[in-house]
Amino acid sequence: MSGIPTPPHQKPTISDGKVPGPDERGAPREMTPEEREAFIKARKGRNRAIALGLIAFAVLVFVITALRLMQNIAAGQAG
């Protein structure tokens, strides 16, 4: 298995250039406090971006619906 390269998205990078690997039993190692902080900060950023995207989508659907209703009301009164 050592001849098969690990995909880039699975290779963690650390500032000192060392890639963390499993411990002697083959189990994944625990994150350091700095890695955990960075992970949580990145996750919060992604969550905020998703929330803003959902809010923007909801506002867009609301505005389009309101505009179409106003057009239909105006067309009904004109006829």
Protein backbone atom coordinates (compact mmCIF):
# COMPACT_ATOMS: atom_id res chain seq x y z
CA MET A 1 0.00 0.00 0.00
CA SER A 2 2.96 2.34 0.44
CA GLY A 3 3.26 2.72 -3.36
CA ILE A 4 -0.19 4.30 -3.65
CA PRO A 5 -0.07 8.08 -3.14
CA THR A 6 -2.56 9.72 -0.81
CA PRO A 7 -4.91 12.17 -2.57
CA PRO A 8 -4.02 15.83 -1.86
CA HIS A 9 -7.34 16.53 -0.07
CA GLN A 10 -6.45 13.88 2.52
CA LYS A 11 -2.95 15.16 3.26
CA PRO A 12 -2.98 17.48 6.27
CA THR A 13 -0.42 20.23 6.15
CA ILE A 14 1.36 21.67 9.13
CA SER A 15 3.55 24.75 9.25
CA ASP A 16 6.70 22.85 10.23
CA GLY A 17 6.40 20.66 7.12
CA LYS A 18 5.72 17.42 8.98
CA VAL A 19 2.64 15.50 7.95
CA PRO A 20 0.88 13.95 10.95
CA GLY A 21 0.18 10.28 10.63
CA PRO A 22 -1.35 7.47 12.63
CA ASP A 23 0.17 6.36 15.91
CA GLU A 24 1.96 3.04 16.37
CA ARG A 25 -1.38 1.19 16.60
CA GLY A 26 -2.60 2.66 13.32
CA ALA A 27 -5.20 4.87 14.99
CA PRO A 28 -5.50 8.51 13.93
CA ARG A 29 -3.73 10.90 16.29
CA GLU A 30 -5.43 13.63 18.30
CA MET A 31 -5.31 17.20 17.03
CA THR A 32 -3.10 19.65 18.83
CA PRO A 33 -4.89 22.60 20.48
CA GLU A 34 -3.63 24.88 17.68
CA GLU A 35 -4.92 22.53 14.97
CA ARG A 36 -8.26 22.24 16.76
CA GLU A 37 -8.57 26.04 17.00
CA ALA A 38 -7.80 26.42 13.29
CA PHE A 39 -10.29 23.67 12.44
CA ILE A 40 -13.07 25.28 14.50
CA LYS A 41 -12.33 28.73 13.06
CA ALA A 42 -12.49 27.39 9.50
CA ARG A 43 -15.73 25.49 10.23
CA LYS A 44 -17.36 28.64 11.68
CA GLY A 45 -16.35 30.58 8.57
CA ARG A 46 -17.91 27.95 6.30
CA ASN A 47 -21.08 27.90 8.41
CA ARG A 48 -21.41 31.69 8.16
CA ALA A 49 -20.94 31.59 4.40
CA ILE A 50 -23.63 28.91 4.04
CA ALA A 51 -26.01 30.87 6.29
CA LEU A 52 -25.51 34.06 4.28
CA GLY A 53 -26.10 32.17 1.05
CA LEU A 54 -29.35 30.68 2.37
CA ILE A 55 -30.56 34.06 3.61
CA ALA A 56 -29.73 35.69 0.27
CA PHE A 57 -31.61 32.94 -1.57
CA ALA A 58 -34.68 33.34 0.66
CA VAL A 59 -34.69 37.11 0.14
CA LEU A 60 -34.35 36.65 -3.62
CA VAL A 61 -37.30 34.21 -3.75
CA PHE A 62 -39.40 36.58 -1.62
CA VAL A 63 -38.64 39.61 -3.81
CA ILE A 64 -39.33 37.75 -7.05
CA THR A 65 -42.61 36.39 -5.66
CA ALA A 66 -43.72 39.83 -4.48
CA LEU A 67 -42.91 41.41 -7.85
CA ARG A 68 -44.80 38.75 -9.75
CA LEU A 69 -47.82 39.11 -7.45
CA MET A 70 -47.84 42.88 -8.00
CA GLN A 71 -47.68 42.36 -11.77
CA ASN A 72 -50.58 39.91 -11.68
CA ILE A 73 -52.68 42.24 -9.50
CA ALA A 74 -51.96 45.16 -11.82
CA ALA A 75 -52.83 43.07 -14.90
CA GLY A 76 -56.11 41.95 -13.29
CA GLN A 77 -57.18 45.49 -12.46
CA ALA A 78 -56.35 46.78 -15.94
CA GLY A 79 -58.49 44.20 -17.70
